[in-house]
Amino acid sequence: MPDTWEMATAYVIEMLEAKGTATRDDFDVPAIVAESHAVANGWNFRAIEGGTFWKIAARFLEQ
């Protein structure tokens, strides 16, 4: 479970790249980490429903 900014960043990157269809460079990862932290009210990103996480990620997809 991520408990620091760095661990949360690694977790988000792992989630984004897990399916092999995107890379960290396709997203604003720091923005995803910040918003996920706010939504989860802490570092327990697994408490965020999958659909919510992907909605957050989609908002920060680089153009």
Protein backbone atom coordinates (compact mmCIF):
# COMPACT_ATOMS: atom_id res chain seq x y z
CA MET A 1 0.00 0.00 0.00
CA PRO A 2 1.48 3.36 -0.92
CA ASP A 3 2.27 5.55 2.07
CA THR A 4 4.49 8.18 0.47
CA TRP A 5 4.28 10.31 -2.65
CA GLU A 6 6.99 8.18 -4.27
CA MET A 7 5.25 4.89 -3.49
CA ALA A 8 1.93 6.29 -4.69
CA THR A 9 3.55 7.42 -7.93
CA ALA A 10 4.99 3.94 -8.49
CA TYR A 11 1.56 2.41 -7.78
CA VAL A 12 -0.18 4.73 -10.27
CA ILE A 13 2.42 4.00 -12.95
CA GLU A 14 1.99 0.26 -12.35
CA MET A 15 -1.79 0.60 -12.75
CA LEU A 16 -1.48 2.70 -15.90
CA GLU A 17 1.00 0.35 -17.57
CA ALA A 18 -0.53 -2.95 -16.39
CA LYS A 19 -2.48 -3.65 -19.57
CA GLY A 20 0.39 -2.72 -21.89
CA THR A 21 -1.69 -0.26 -23.89
CA ALA A 22 -0.29 2.93 -22.38
CA THR A 23 2.82 4.20 -20.63
CA ARG A 24 3.43 6.74 -17.91
CA ASP A 25 4.39 9.22 -20.61
CA ASP A 26 0.79 9.23 -21.86
CA PHE A 27 -0.48 10.72 -18.57
CA ASP A 28 0.17 13.54 -16.12
CA VAL A 29 1.13 11.12 -13.36
CA PRO A 30 1.70 13.73 -10.60
CA ALA A 31 -1.80 15.11 -11.22
CA ILE A 32 -3.30 11.60 -10.99
CA VAL A 33 -1.44 10.98 -7.72
CA ALA A 34 -2.61 14.31 -6.28
CA GLU A 35 -6.25 13.81 -7.21
CA SER A 36 -6.26 10.17 -6.11
CA HIS A 37 -4.78 11.24 -2.76
CA ALA A 38 -7.56 13.80 -2.37
CA VAL A 39 -10.32 11.35 -3.35
CA ALA A 40 -8.99 8.61 -1.06
CA ASN A 41 -8.36 11.16 1.71
CA GLY A 42 -4.97 9.52 2.17
CA TRP A 43 -2.62 7.04 0.55
CA ASN A 44 -4.98 4.03 0.42
CA PHE A 45 -5.55 4.21 -3.33
CA ARG A 46 -7.01 0.70 -3.32
CA ALA A 47 -10.00 2.20 -1.50
CA ILE A 48 -10.84 4.07 -4.71
CA GLU A 49 -13.22 2.13 -6.93
CA GLY A 50 -11.63 1.02 -10.19
CA GLY A 51 -14.02 3.07 -12.29
CA THR A 52 -13.23 6.19 -10.28
CA PHE A 53 -9.49 5.66 -10.67
CA TRP A 54 -9.84 5.32 -14.44
CA LYS A 55 -12.02 8.45 -14.63
CA ILE A 56 -9.29 10.35 -12.79
CA ALA A 57 -6.64 8.92 -15.12
CA ALA A 58 -8.69 9.79 -18.21
CA ARG A 59 -8.88 13.44 -17.14
CA PHE A 60 -5.08 13.57 -17.10
CA LEU A 61 -4.41 11.83 -20.40
CA GLU A 62 -1.82 13.87 -22.26
CA GLN A 63 -2.94 15.13 -25.66
